[in-house]
C-alpha atoms as a PDB file:
ATOM      1  CA  MET A   1      44.496 -16.428 -11.420  1.00  0.00           C
ATOM      2  CA  LYS A   2      41.721 -14.000 -11.976  1.00  0.00           C
ATOM      3  CA  GLU A   3      38.998 -17.110 -12.088  1.00  0.00           C
ATOM      4  CA  THR A   4      40.218 -18.256  -8.980  1.00  0.00           C
ATOM      5  CA  LEU A   5      39.839 -15.066  -7.292  1.00  0.00           C
ATOM      6  CA  GLN A   6      36.381 -14.261  -9.226  1.00  0.00           C
ATOM      7  CA  LYS A   7      35.293 -17.818  -7.544  1.00  0.00           C
ATOM      8  CA  HIS A   8      35.968 -16.823  -3.545  1.00  0.00           C
ATOM      9  CA  GLN A   9      34.214 -13.684  -4.002  1.00  0.00           C
ATOM     10  CA  LEU A  10      31.691 -15.374  -5.084  1.00  0.00           C
ATOM     11  CA  GLN A  11      31.753 -17.835  -2.705  1.00  0.00           C
ATOM     12  CA  TYR A  12      32.112 -15.504  -0.065  1.00  0.00           C
ATOM     13  CA  GLN A  13      28.860 -13.237  -1.608  1.00  0.00           C
ATOM     14  CA  VAL A  14      27.117 -16.766  -0.943  1.00  0.00           C
ATOM     15  CA  GLN A  15      28.027 -16.597   2.292  1.00  0.00           C
ATOM     16  CA  ARG A  16      27.551 -13.661   3.510  1.00  0.00           C
ATOM     17  CA  ARG A  17      24.393 -13.642   1.722  1.00  0.00           C
ATOM     18  CA  GLU A  18      24.257 -16.832   3.479  1.00  0.00           C
ATOM     19  CA  ASN A  19      24.335 -14.927   7.078  1.00  0.00           C
ATOM     20  CA  ILE A  20      22.471 -12.715   6.904  1.00  0.00           C
ATOM     21  CA  ASP A  21      19.217 -14.636   6.007  1.00  0.00           C
ATOM     22  CA  THR A  22      19.824 -16.584   8.553  1.00  0.00           C
ATOM     23  CA  ALA A  23      19.843 -13.618  11.252  1.00  0.00           C
ATOM     24  CA  ARG A  24      16.865 -12.411   9.515  1.00  0.00           C
ATOM     25  CA  THR A  25      14.742 -15.764   9.876  1.00  0.00           C
ATOM     26  CA  ASN A  26      16.095 -16.328  13.299  1.00  0.00           C
ATOM     27  CA  GLN A  27      14.870 -12.677  14.118  1.00  0.00           C
ATOM     28  CA  TRP A  28      11.707 -13.551  12.751  1.00  0.00           C
ATOM     29  CA  LEU A  29      11.433 -16.937  14.624  1.00  0.00           C
ATOM     30  CA  ARG A  30      12.112 -15.010  17.776  1.00  0.00           C
ATOM     31  CA  THR A  31       9.544 -12.802  17.357  1.00  0.00           C
ATOM     32  CA  GLN A  32       6.643 -15.502  16.594  1.00  0.00           C
ATOM     33  CA  GLY A  33       8.132 -16.971  19.928  1.00  0.00           C
ATOM     34  CA  ILE A  34      10.525 -19.894  18.272  1.00  0.00           C
ATOM     35  CA  ASP A  35      13.614 -20.593  19.444  1.00  0.00           C
ATOM     36  CA  ALA A  36      15.567 -21.595  15.971  1.00  0.00           C
ATOM     37  CA  VAL A  37      18.175 -24.124  17.453  1.00  0.00           C
ATOM     38  CA  ILE A  38      14.544 -26.316  18.735  1.00  0.00           C
ATOM     39  CA  LEU A  39      13.524 -26.512  14.785  1.00  0.00           C
ATOM     40  CA  ASN A  40      14.591 -29.909  13.493  1.00  0.00           C
ATOM     41  CA  THR A  41      14.074 -32.181  16.926  1.00  0.00           C
ATOM     42  CA  THR A  42      10.420 -30.732  17.590  1.00  0.00           C
ATOM     43  CA  ASP A  43       7.682 -31.736  16.797  1.00  0.00           C
ATOM     44  CA  THR A  44       6.196 -29.394  14.104  1.00  0.00           C
ATOM     45  CA  LEU A  45       2.651 -29.295  15.663  1.00  0.00           C
ATOM     46  CA  LEU A  46       4.557 -28.569  19.300  1.00  0.00           C
ATOM     47  CA  LEU A  47       6.000 -25.290  17.364  1.00  0.00           C
ATOM     48  CA  GLN A  48       2.452 -25.253  15.746  1.00  0.00           C
ATOM     49  CA  ALA A  49       0.890 -24.202  18.661  1.00  0.00           C
ATOM     50  CA  GLN A  50       3.440 -22.835  20.714  1.00  0.00           C
ATOM     51  CA  GLN A  51       3.422 -20.113  17.680  1.00  0.00           C
ATOM     52  CA  GLN A  52      -0.122 -19.490  18.402  1.00  0.00           C
ATOM     53  CA  ALA A  53      -0.425 -19.551  22.086  1.00  0.00           C
ATOM     54  CA  TYR A  54       2.811 -17.222  21.954  1.00  0.00           C
ATOM     55  CA  THR A  55       0.612 -15.138  19.813  1.00  0.00           C
ATOM     56  CA  THR A  56      -2.504 -15.451  21.102  1.00  0.00           C
ATOM     57  CA  LEU A  57      -0.989 -14.455  24.820  1.00  0.00           C
ATOM     58  CA  LYS A  58       0.934 -11.861  23.178  1.00  0.00           C
ATOM     59  CA  ASN A  59      -1.828  -9.958  21.065  1.00  0.00           C
ATOM     60  CA  PHE A  60      -5.608 -11.435  22.251  1.00  0.00           C
ATOM     61  CA  SER A  61      -4.935 -12.130  26.110  1.00  0.00           C
ATOM     62  CA  HIS A  62      -8.072 -10.148  27.190  1.00  0.00           C
ATOM     63  CA  TYR A  63      -9.955 -12.990  25.241  1.00  0.00           C
ATOM     64  CA  LEU A  64      -8.922 -15.165  27.278  1.00  0.00           C
ATOM     65  CA  ASP A  65     -10.265 -15.931  30.810  1.00  0.00           C
ATOM     66  CA  GLN A  66      -7.772 -16.808  33.605  1.00  0.00           C
ATOM     67  CA  GLU A  67      -7.437 -21.023  33.649  1.00  0.00           C
ATOM     68  CA  GLU A  68      -6.352 -20.302  29.766  1.00  0.00           C
ATOM     69  CA  GLN A  69      -3.915 -18.037  30.579  1.00  0.00           C
ATOM     70  CA  LYS A  70      -2.070 -20.541  32.938  1.00  0.00           C
ATOM     71  CA  LYS A  71      -2.327 -22.854  30.749  1.00  0.00           C
ATOM     72  CA  LEU A  72      -0.722 -21.294  27.755  1.00  0.00           C
ATOM     73  CA  LYS A  73       1.633 -19.769  29.506  1.00  0.00           C
ATOM     74  CA  ARG A  74       2.939 -22.773  31.180  1.00  0.00           C
ATOM     75  CA  PHE A  75       2.468 -24.427  27.728  1.00  0.00           C
ATOM     76  CA  VAL A  76       5.097 -22.137  26.403  1.00  0.00           C
ATOM     77  CA  GLU A  77       7.197 -22.384  29.006  1.00  0.00           C
ATOM     78  CA  LYS A  78       7.608 -25.918  28.826  1.00  0.00           C
ATOM     79  CA  MET A  79       8.662 -25.576  25.217  1.00  0.00           C
ATOM     80  CA  LYS A  80      11.310 -22.973  26.239  1.00  0.00           C
ATOM     81  CA  ASN A  81      13.131 -25.829  28.466  1.00  0.00           C
ATOM     82  CA  THR A  82      14.619 -28.535  26.971  1.00  0.00           C
ATOM     83  CA  GLU A  83      13.856 -31.026  29.293  1.00  0.00           C
ATOM     84  CA  TRP A  84      10.442 -30.609  29.465  1.00  0.00           C
ATOM     85  CA  ARG A  85       9.932 -29.925  25.642  1.00  0.00           C
ATOM     86  CA  LYS A  86      11.750 -33.562  25.487  1.00  0.00           C
ATOM     87  CA  LYS A  87       8.770 -35.294  27.331  1.00  0.00           C
ATOM     88  CA  LEU A  88       5.913 -33.351  25.094  1.00  0.00           C
ATOM     89  CA  SER A  89       3.546 -35.275  22.686  1.00  0.00           C
ATOM     90  CA  ARG A  90       1.590 -34.646  20.849  1.00  0.00           C
ATOM     91  CA  GLN A  91      -1.807 -34.913  22.171  1.00  0.00           C
ATOM     92  CA  SER A  92      -0.186 -32.247  24.594  1.00  0.00           C
ATOM     93  CA  ALA A  93      -0.560 -29.639  21.871  1.00  0.00           C
ATOM     94  CA  TYR A  94      -4.150 -30.157  21.053  1.00  0.00           C
ATOM     95  CA  PRO A  95      -5.590 -28.500  23.699  1.00  0.00           C
ATOM     96  CA  ILE A  96      -3.267 -25.267  23.259  1.00  0.00           C
ATOM     97  CA  LEU A  97      -4.923 -25.325  19.389  1.00  0.00           C
ATOM     98  CA  LYS A  98      -8.311 -25.519  20.874  1.00  0.00           C
ATOM     99  CA  ILE A  99      -7.450 -22.789  23.125  1.00  0.00           C
ATOM    100  CA  THR A 100      -6.471 -20.599  20.481  1.00  0.00           C
ATOM    101  CA  ARG A 101      -8.938 -22.066  17.570  1.00  0.00           C
ATOM    102  CA  LYS A 102     -11.416 -20.465  20.036  1.00  0.00           C
ATOM    103  CA  ILE A 103      -9.573 -17.576  20.569  1.00  0.00           C
ATOM    104  CA  ASN A 104      -9.713 -17.015  16.786  1.00  0.00           C
ATOM    105  CA  ARG A 105     -13.139 -17.522  16.110  1.00  0.00           C
ATOM    106  CA  GLN A 106     -14.349 -14.859  18.763  1.00  0.00           C
ATOM    107  CA  LEU A 107     -11.783 -12.508  16.754  1.00  0.00           C
ATOM    108  CA  PHE A 108     -13.578 -13.384  13.201  1.00  0.00           C
ATOM    109  CA  LYS A 109     -17.038 -13.078  15.054  1.00  0.00           C
ATOM    110  CA  THR A 110     -16.167  -9.635  16.170  1.00  0.00           C
ATOM    111  CA  TYR A 111     -14.795  -8.672  13.071  1.00  0.00           C
ATOM    112  CA  LYS A 112     -18.062  -9.689  11.273  1.00  0.00           C
ATOM    113  CA  SER A 113     -19.823  -7.907  13.417  1.00  0.00           C
ATOM    114  CA  ILE A 114     -17.671  -4.728  13.189  1.00  0.00           C
ATOM    115  CA  ASN A 115     -18.095  -4.367   9.388  1.00  0.00           C
ATOM    116  CA  LYS A 116     -21.901  -5.656   9.495  1.00  0.00           C
ATOM    117  CA  ALA A 117     -21.672  -1.999  11.329  1.00  0.00           C
ATOM    118  CA  LYS A 118     -20.270  -0.090   9.065  1.00  0.00           C
END
């Protein structure tokens, strides 16, 4: 009887820890602009493009021109909509990744010039 009780306590603790970890992971994914529900059904390249587009819009939108902002916002919106997301192919991620790579290079150049000045 005592062994059975210990097994149940261990199972409860494992399940509780799993629930806490899942909640934290889902929260982190939300901060990255990704819905945890779509992880298993969406291409990883599209998820990567969504995360980078979200981060670029959130933190570095002042480096983007209006057309680039529109493209990134449209892509993020399409990824939020189930029907639109199903229609997206891997090819649709490449222009988004190209824009975010460009911004990343600009950030690196800015960072490099700031550090040289010191």
